Amino acid sequence: MKRRYVLIGGIALSISQLGVGCNAKQTLKVHALKQSVPPQLVSNFREEWTSSVPLQVTPQSQLSDLFTLLQTWKRLSIANLTPSDRASLVMIGNSWLRNAIAQELIKPLDPGKLSLWSKLPPRCQDLVTYQDKVWGAPYRWGTTAIAYRVDKFKKLGWTPTDWKDLWRPELRDRISLLDNAREVIGLTLKKLGYSYNTPNLDKIPQLKEELRNLNKQVKFYSSDRYLQPLILGDTWLAVGASTDLLSLFPDRDDIAVMIPESGTSLWAELWVIPAEIEPMDLTYQWIDFCWQPKTAMQLSLFTKAASPIISTYSVNELPKSLVNNPLRFPDSALIDKSEFILPLSQDAIGQYRSYWQEMRVR
């Protein structure tokens, strides 16, 4: 249950042996989060591009591990060393993208070689476009949502609908929150009618008081164990990533989930090309394959996140199991009110850090 910060479990998918006889340099090597590339996609890609296509998918447990790989490969390249495990494509979170660009860990993609680029939602195109270059290919996306104990709220006589409910006195010392300044300060900004990406917190005079009051409601901060207290009943409400919350279903009917009606934060996982790699045609074919309707559907059904492509479909084009699941297929009106958490200036980061530290003082 480690969301963007850590994703656990999964299996290694490696079918490079199926391309026996092919030159190793032609192998498409992909490094991705565990459980993010279902076996069906690997099999279908091989079938679509004939049995001569060697594909190797290497799983990693955390987004931070994948980013560290990019940094390691860059250092080795500077030393004129060629790491044997260097990949053609690496998956990173959108929050790591600007750092990867600044550290020259990745190279731009050529959208002219991606036949389905125009099918992506414009906000996903904007997310990976910087200085008129495209630096990543959105693969999956999700939301930050609220999970709550149905039994506890039935006794209260109400259910949460928006961020403002986290401040209700009945929930004092009953909430689990992510140990993440941008998420927590962001949801507070959203409650006050501001953007998650507000750069100057000092211009919001009521913000510090709102954060102090929210801290009184919180029993537990964690980015990887925030669901356990909810499952045990020690907390009645938890804020977390849709990927984590999906792990609760369909096994538990005592916990419900919702996306706040004023909107929430969005996150995405992207394919990027390491800086020292010359992309093959197969690299672009894989990205296009991930955006094909059949693949996008399988990805959204067989993993705990959805392809951004399916957000462009009408509900009549999708199976009910997707349409009826707000974590996989959020209402379009809610998505329109939501936003990706974007990079801030160093001055703004300093403000968030200061507010976060001050908030946590009991």
Protein backbone atom coordinates (compact mmCIF):
# COMPACT_ATOMS: atom_id res chain seq x y z
CA MET A 1 0.00 0.00 0.00
CA LYS A 2 2.71 2.45 -0.88
CA ARG A 3 1.14 4.40 -3.66
CA ARG A 4 3.32 6.68 -5.71
CA TYR A 5 5.91 6.53 -3.01
CA VAL A 6 6.17 2.73 -2.90
CA LEU A 7 4.24 0.05 -4.78
CA ILE A 8 4.59 -3.50 -3.53
CA GLY A 9 4.12 -6.95 -4.97
CA GLY A 10 4.01 -8.15 -8.54
CA ILE A 11 5.90 -10.52 -10.78
CA ALA A 12 8.85 -10.22 -13.10
CA LEU A 13 7.83 -10.33 -16.74
CA SER A 14 10.63 -11.41 -19.01
CA ILE A 15 10.11 -12.90 -22.44
CA SER A 16 13.41 -11.92 -23.97
CA GLN A 17 14.14 -15.63 -24.28
CA LEU A 18 11.34 -15.82 -26.85
CA GLY A 19 13.48 -13.81 -29.18
CA VAL A 20 16.28 -16.37 -29.26
CA GLY A 21 18.61 -15.70 -32.13
CA CYS A 22 18.02 -11.94 -32.12
CA ASN A 23 20.80 -9.52 -31.47
CA ALA A 24 20.73 -8.46 -27.80
CA LYS A 25 21.04 -4.82 -28.85
CA GLN A 26 17.60 -5.08 -30.47
CA THR A 27 15.90 -6.17 -27.28
CA LEU A 28 13.35 -3.71 -25.94
CA LYS A 29 14.24 -3.40 -22.26
CA VAL A 30 11.63 -1.76 -20.05
CA HIS A 31 11.97 -0.94 -16.34
CA ALA A 32 8.63 -0.40 -14.61
CA LEU A 33 6.84 -0.53 -11.28
CA LYS A 34 5.78 -3.93 -10.07
CA GLN A 35 2.24 -4.85 -11.09
CA SER A 36 2.04 -1.94 -13.53
CA VAL A 37 2.51 -4.02 -16.70
CA PRO A 38 0.11 -6.98 -16.71
CA PRO A 39 1.18 -10.23 -18.41
CA GLN A 40 -1.64 -9.84 -20.94
CA LEU A 41 0.01 -6.71 -22.34
CA VAL A 42 3.34 -8.46 -22.78
CA SER A 43 1.72 -11.40 -24.58
CA ASN A 44 -0.41 -9.18 -26.81
CA PHE A 45 2.55 -6.98 -27.76
CA ARG A 46 4.54 -10.04 -28.81
CA GLU A 47 1.63 -11.31 -30.89
CA GLU A 48 1.10 -7.95 -32.55
CA TRP A 49 4.73 -7.40 -33.48
CA THR A 50 5.46 -11.09 -34.38
CA SER A 51 7.41 -13.64 -32.39
CA SER A 52 10.74 -12.08 -33.37
CA VAL A 53 10.22 -9.20 -30.93
CA PRO A 54 12.32 -9.67 -27.78
CA LEU A 55 10.86 -7.79 -24.82
CA GLN A 56 12.17 -7.68 -21.28
CA VAL A 57 10.16 -6.01 -18.52
CA THR A 58 12.08 -5.58 -15.26
CA PRO A 59 9.99 -4.62 -12.21
CA GLN A 60 11.08 -2.25 -9.44
CA SER A 61 9.34 -1.74 -6.11
CA GLN A 62 9.43 2.05 -5.92
CA LEU A 63 9.38 5.07 -8.18
CA SER A 64 12.42 6.30 -6.30
CA ASP A 65 14.30 3.13 -7.35
CA LEU A 66 13.53 3.86 -11.00
CA PHE A 67 14.70 7.45 -10.69
CA THR A 68 17.89 6.26 -8.97
CA LEU A 69 18.52 3.91 -11.91
CA LEU A 70 18.43 6.87 -14.29
CA GLN A 71 20.93 8.73 -12.09
CA THR A 72 23.22 5.68 -11.86
CA TRP A 73 23.22 5.14 -15.63
CA LYS A 74 24.03 8.82 -16.16
CA ARG A 75 27.02 8.64 -13.80
CA LEU A 76 28.32 5.51 -15.50
CA SER A 77 27.95 7.10 -18.91
CA ILE A 78 29.95 10.12 -17.78
CA ALA A 79 32.66 7.67 -16.71
CA ASN A 80 32.50 6.09 -20.19
CA LEU A 81 31.02 2.89 -18.77
CA THR A 82 28.00 1.12 -20.29
CA PRO A 83 25.74 -0.57 -17.72
CA SER A 84 24.47 -3.91 -18.97
CA ASP A 85 20.99 -3.44 -17.52
CA ARG A 86 20.33 -0.01 -19.03
CA ALA A 87 16.80 0.14 -20.44
CA SER A 88 15.19 1.55 -23.55
CA LEU A 89 12.31 2.92 -21.48
CA VAL A 90 11.87 3.66 -17.79
CA MET A 91 8.70 4.45 -15.88
CA ILE A 92 8.77 7.46 -13.55
CA GLY A 93 6.14 9.48 -11.71
CA ASN A 94 5.16 12.88 -13.09
CA SER A 95 6.53 14.55 -9.95
CA TRP A 96 10.03 13.33 -10.92
CA LEU A 97 9.92 14.60 -14.49
CA ARG A 98 11.33 18.11 -14.06
CA ASN A 99 14.19 16.79 -11.93
CA ALA A 100 14.97 14.21 -14.60
CA ILE A 101 15.07 16.97 -17.23
CA ALA A 102 17.18 19.30 -15.07
CA GLN A 103 19.70 16.54 -14.31
CA GLU A 104 19.81 15.55 -17.99
CA LEU A 105 18.79 11.99 -17.16
CA ILE A 106 16.33 11.65 -20.05
CA LYS A 107 15.96 12.79 -23.65
CA PRO A 108 12.87 14.14 -25.46
CA LEU A 109 10.51 11.91 -27.40
CA ASP A 110 9.49 12.61 -30.97
CA PRO A 111 5.67 12.89 -30.92
CA GLY A 112 5.70 12.64 -34.72
CA LYS A 113 6.61 8.97 -34.27
CA LEU A 114 3.63 8.37 -31.97
CA SER A 115 0.50 7.85 -34.04
CA LEU A 116 -1.80 8.03 -31.00
CA TRP A 117 -0.25 11.10 -29.34
CA SER A 118 -3.19 13.25 -30.47
CA LYS A 119 -5.62 10.90 -28.69
CA LEU A 120 -4.24 11.76 -25.26
CA PRO A 121 -6.23 14.23 -23.11
CA PRO A 122 -4.71 17.71 -23.60
CA ARG A 123 -3.85 18.02 -19.90
CA CYS A 124 -1.73 14.85 -20.20
CA GLN A 125 0.06 16.27 -23.23
CA ASP A 126 0.71 19.51 -21.31
CA LEU A 127 2.00 17.55 -18.32
CA VAL A 128 4.94 16.13 -20.28
CA THR A 129 5.64 19.13 -22.54
CA TYR A 130 8.35 21.49 -21.34
CA GLN A 131 10.14 24.16 -23.36
CA ASP A 132 8.33 22.96 -26.49
CA LYS A 133 9.64 19.40 -26.14
CA VAL A 134 7.82 16.22 -25.14
CA TRP A 135 9.70 14.45 -22.34
CA GLY A 136 7.45 11.55 -21.43
CA ALA A 137 4.54 9.36 -22.50
CA PRO A 138 1.69 9.11 -19.94
CA TYR A 139 0.93 5.47 -19.20
CA ARG A 140 -1.40 5.38 -16.17
CA TRP A 141 -2.99 7.95 -13.94
CA GLY A 142 -5.01 8.14 -10.74
CA THR A 143 -6.28 10.36 -7.97
CA THR A 144 -5.94 11.09 -4.30
CA ALA A 145 -9.19 10.02 -2.64
CA ILE A 146 -10.88 9.50 0.73
CA ALA A 147 -11.63 6.11 2.29
CA TYR A 148 -13.88 5.91 5.33
CA ARG A 149 -15.40 3.38 7.70
CA VAL A 150 -19.04 2.80 6.78
CA ASP A 151 -19.91 1.51 10.25
CA LYS A 152 -18.47 4.53 12.07
CA PHE A 153 -20.11 7.08 9.79
CA LYS A 154 -23.46 5.30 9.96
CA LYS A 155 -23.45 6.04 13.69
CA LEU A 156 -22.50 9.66 12.96
CA GLY A 157 -25.44 9.99 10.56
CA TRP A 158 -23.48 11.49 7.65
CA THR A 159 -20.83 10.58 5.11
CA PRO A 160 -17.92 12.68 3.82
CA THR A 161 -18.39 14.48 0.51
CA ASP A 162 -15.56 17.00 0.40
CA TRP A 163 -12.30 18.09 2.00
CA LYS A 164 -14.10 20.41 4.43
CA ASP A 165 -15.48 17.37 6.24
CA LEU A 166 -12.01 16.52 7.56
CA TRP A 167 -12.33 19.47 9.93
CA ARG A 168 -15.63 18.34 11.51
CA PRO A 169 -15.27 17.93 15.31
CA GLU A 170 -16.53 14.34 15.25
CA LEU A 171 -13.33 13.32 13.48
CA ARG A 172 -10.87 14.68 16.00
CA ASP A 173 -7.98 12.22 16.32
CA ARG A 174 -9.73 9.90 13.83
CA ILE A 175 -7.92 10.61 10.53
CA SER A 176 -4.94 9.03 8.73
CA LEU A 177 -3.10 11.37 6.35
CA LEU A 178 -0.22 10.98 3.94
CA ASP A 179 3.11 12.13 5.31
CA ASN A 180 3.45 14.51 2.38
CA ALA A 181 3.44 18.31 2.56
CA ARG A 182 2.20 18.94 -0.98
CA GLU A 183 -0.76 16.60 -0.55
CA VAL A 184 -1.85 17.79 2.90
CA ILE A 185 -1.27 21.50 2.36
CA GLY A 186 -2.75 21.05 -1.11
CA LEU A 187 -6.04 19.57 0.11
CA THR A 188 -6.25 22.41 2.65
CA LEU A 189 -5.72 24.93 -0.13
CA LYS A 190 -8.43 23.17 -2.14
CA LYS A 191 -10.78 23.41 0.83
CA LEU A 192 -10.16 27.16 0.89
CA GLY A 193 -10.77 27.49 -2.85
CA TYR A 194 -7.14 27.70 -3.97
CA SER A 195 -4.96 25.57 -6.23
CA TYR A 196 -2.74 22.70 -5.07
CA ASN A 197 0.04 24.59 -6.84
CA THR A 198 -0.40 27.93 -5.07
CA PRO A 199 3.14 29.39 -5.04
CA ASN A 200 2.90 31.97 -2.23
CA LEU A 201 1.31 30.56 0.92
CA ASP A 202 1.95 33.76 2.87
CA LYS A 203 -0.80 35.46 0.87
CA ILE A 204 -3.42 33.20 2.48
CA PRO A 205 -3.75 34.53 6.05
CA GLN A 206 -6.12 31.80 7.29
CA LEU A 207 -3.98 28.93 6.02
CA LYS A 208 -1.84 28.41 9.11
CA GLU A 209 -4.87 28.23 11.38
CA GLU A 210 -6.59 25.78 9.03
CA LEU A 211 -3.49 23.55 9.05
CA ARG A 212 -3.22 23.67 12.84
CA ASN A 213 -6.87 22.69 13.16
CA LEU A 214 -6.43 19.86 10.67
CA ASN A 215 -3.45 18.55 12.61
CA LYS A 216 -5.70 18.18 15.66
CA GLN A 217 -7.86 15.82 13.62
CA VAL A 218 -4.96 13.58 12.61
CA LYS A 219 -4.08 10.45 14.52
CA PHE A 220 -1.54 9.08 12.07
CA TYR A 221 0.72 10.39 9.28
CA SER A 222 2.29 7.90 6.91
CA SER A 223 2.87 7.47 3.19
CA ASP A 224 2.95 3.66 3.30
CA ARG A 225 1.00 2.49 6.35
CA TYR A 226 -1.92 4.90 6.50
CA LEU A 227 -4.55 2.25 5.67
CA GLN A 228 -3.78 -0.15 8.51
CA PRO A 229 -5.29 2.09 11.22
CA LEU A 230 -8.42 2.46 9.07
CA ILE A 231 -8.74 -1.31 8.61
CA LEU A 232 -8.34 -1.84 12.36
CA GLY A 233 -10.83 0.90 13.18
CA ASP A 234 -8.27 3.06 14.99
CA THR A 235 -9.01 5.79 12.45
CA TRP A 236 -12.32 6.36 10.70
CA LEU A 237 -11.08 8.17 7.59
CA ALA A 238 -7.92 8.03 5.49
CA VAL A 239 -6.63 10.09 2.58
CA GLY A 240 -4.60 8.15 0.05
CA ALA A 241 -3.87 7.19 -3.54
CA SER A 242 -6.45 5.43 -5.66
CA THR A 243 -3.98 2.58 -6.30
CA ASP A 244 -3.76 1.87 -2.58
CA LEU A 245 -7.48 2.22 -1.94
CA LEU A 246 -8.32 -0.20 -4.75
CA SER A 247 -6.42 -2.87 -2.81
CA LEU A 248 -9.26 -2.80 -0.26
CA PHE A 249 -11.88 -4.00 -2.71
CA PRO A 250 -13.83 -6.18 -3.24
CA ASP A 251 -12.77 -7.83 0.02
CA ARG A 252 -14.14 -5.20 2.40
CA ASP A 253 -17.68 -3.86 2.53
CA ASP A 254 -17.06 -1.92 5.75
CA ILE A 255 -14.94 0.67 3.91
CA ALA A 256 -16.20 3.04 1.20
CA VAL A 257 -14.30 5.50 -0.97
CA MET A 258 -15.09 8.82 -2.58
CA ILE A 259 -13.40 11.61 -4.51
CA PRO A 260 -14.01 15.05 -2.97
CA GLU A 261 -16.59 17.01 -4.93
CA SER A 262 -14.41 20.13 -5.14
CA GLY A 263 -11.68 18.13 -6.90
CA THR A 264 -8.46 16.47 -5.85
CA SER A 265 -4.84 15.92 -6.87
CA LEU A 266 -3.92 13.79 -9.88
CA TRP A 267 -0.79 11.76 -10.50
CA ALA A 268 0.57 9.97 -13.54
CA GLU A 269 3.21 7.40 -14.42
CA LEU A 270 5.22 8.11 -17.56
CA TRP A 271 7.51 6.30 -19.96
CA VAL A 272 10.78 8.19 -20.46
CA ILE A 273 13.88 7.50 -22.57
CA PRO A 274 17.23 7.47 -20.69
CA ALA A 275 19.58 10.20 -21.88
CA GLU A 276 22.24 7.93 -23.35
CA ILE A 277 19.83 5.69 -25.26
CA GLU A 278 19.05 6.05 -28.96
CA PRO A 279 15.37 5.09 -29.22
CA MET A 280 14.48 2.25 -31.57
CA ASP A 281 11.34 2.10 -33.69
CA LEU A 282 10.25 -0.57 -31.23
CA THR A 283 10.38 2.00 -28.43
CA TYR A 284 7.71 4.11 -30.09
CA GLN A 285 5.73 1.04 -31.09
CA TRP A 286 5.52 0.00 -27.43
CA ILE A 287 4.26 3.44 -26.38
CA ASP A 288 1.68 3.47 -29.16
CA PHE A 289 0.67 -0.06 -28.23
CA CYS A 290 0.02 1.07 -24.63
CA TRP A 291 -2.39 3.71 -25.98
CA GLN A 292 -4.36 1.37 -28.23
CA PRO A 293 -8.01 0.97 -27.12
CA LYS A 294 -7.71 -2.75 -26.31
CA THR A 295 -4.49 -2.25 -24.38
CA ALA A 296 -5.83 0.78 -22.52
CA MET A 297 -8.86 -1.26 -21.47
CA GLN A 298 -6.78 -4.21 -20.27
CA LEU A 299 -4.42 -1.93 -18.41
CA SER A 300 -7.34 -0.25 -16.65
CA LEU A 301 -8.98 -3.56 -15.73
CA PHE A 302 -5.93 -5.59 -14.71
CA THR A 303 -3.91 -3.01 -12.75
CA LYS A 304 -4.83 -0.62 -9.96
CA ALA A 305 -4.73 2.46 -12.18
CA ALA A 306 -6.32 3.55 -15.44
CA SER A 307 -4.96 4.48 -18.83
CA PRO A 308 -5.52 8.19 -19.53
CA ILE A 309 -6.88 7.15 -22.93
CA ILE A 310 -10.09 5.72 -21.44
CA SER A 311 -11.02 9.12 -20.02
CA THR A 312 -11.72 10.18 -23.61
CA TYR A 313 -14.29 7.39 -24.10
CA SER A 314 -18.02 7.65 -23.49
CA VAL A 315 -19.50 5.46 -20.76
CA ASN A 316 -21.22 3.39 -23.44
CA GLU A 317 -17.82 2.27 -24.75
CA LEU A 318 -16.63 0.95 -21.40
CA PRO A 319 -17.52 -2.12 -19.31
CA LYS A 320 -19.67 -1.49 -16.26
CA SER A 321 -16.90 -2.71 -13.98
CA LEU A 322 -14.91 0.38 -15.01
CA VAL A 323 -17.74 2.89 -15.22
CA ASN A 324 -19.08 1.97 -11.78
CA ASN A 325 -15.69 2.29 -10.10
CA PRO A 326 -14.91 5.93 -9.28
CA LEU A 327 -11.27 5.11 -8.52
CA ARG A 328 -10.67 3.70 -12.00
CA PHE A 329 -13.05 5.94 -13.93
CA PRO A 330 -13.75 9.16 -11.98
CA ASP A 331 -16.60 11.39 -13.02
CA SER A 332 -15.37 13.77 -15.73
CA ALA A 333 -16.71 16.79 -13.82
CA LEU A 334 -14.52 15.86 -10.83
CA ILE A 335 -11.48 15.38 -13.04
CA ASP A 336 -12.07 18.83 -14.54
CA LYS A 337 -11.90 20.28 -11.01
CA SER A 338 -8.74 18.33 -10.18
CA GLU A 339 -5.10 19.07 -10.96
CA PHE A 340 -1.67 17.54 -11.16
CA ILE A 341 0.76 18.62 -8.46
CA LEU A 342 3.38 20.58 -10.39
CA PRO A 343 6.96 21.67 -9.57
CA LEU A 344 7.41 24.85 -7.55
CA SER A 345 10.23 27.36 -7.25
CA GLN A 346 12.81 26.89 -4.49
CA ASP A 347 11.29 29.84 -2.60
CA ALA A 348 7.85 28.24 -2.75
CA ILE A 349 9.25 24.85 -1.69
CA GLY A 350 10.80 26.57 1.32
CA GLN A 351 7.41 28.01 2.27
CA TYR A 352 5.72 24.61 2.04
CA ARG A 353 8.44 23.04 4.16
CA SER A 354 8.12 25.77 6.80
CA TYR A 355 4.32 25.53 6.93
CA TRP A 356 4.52 21.74 7.15
CA GLN A 357 6.92 21.81 10.07
CA GLU A 358 4.90 24.45 11.91
CA MET A 359 1.67 22.53 11.31
CA ARG A 360 3.01 19.34 12.91
CA VAL A 361 3.88 20.98 16.24
CA ARG A 362 1.32 19.86 18.80
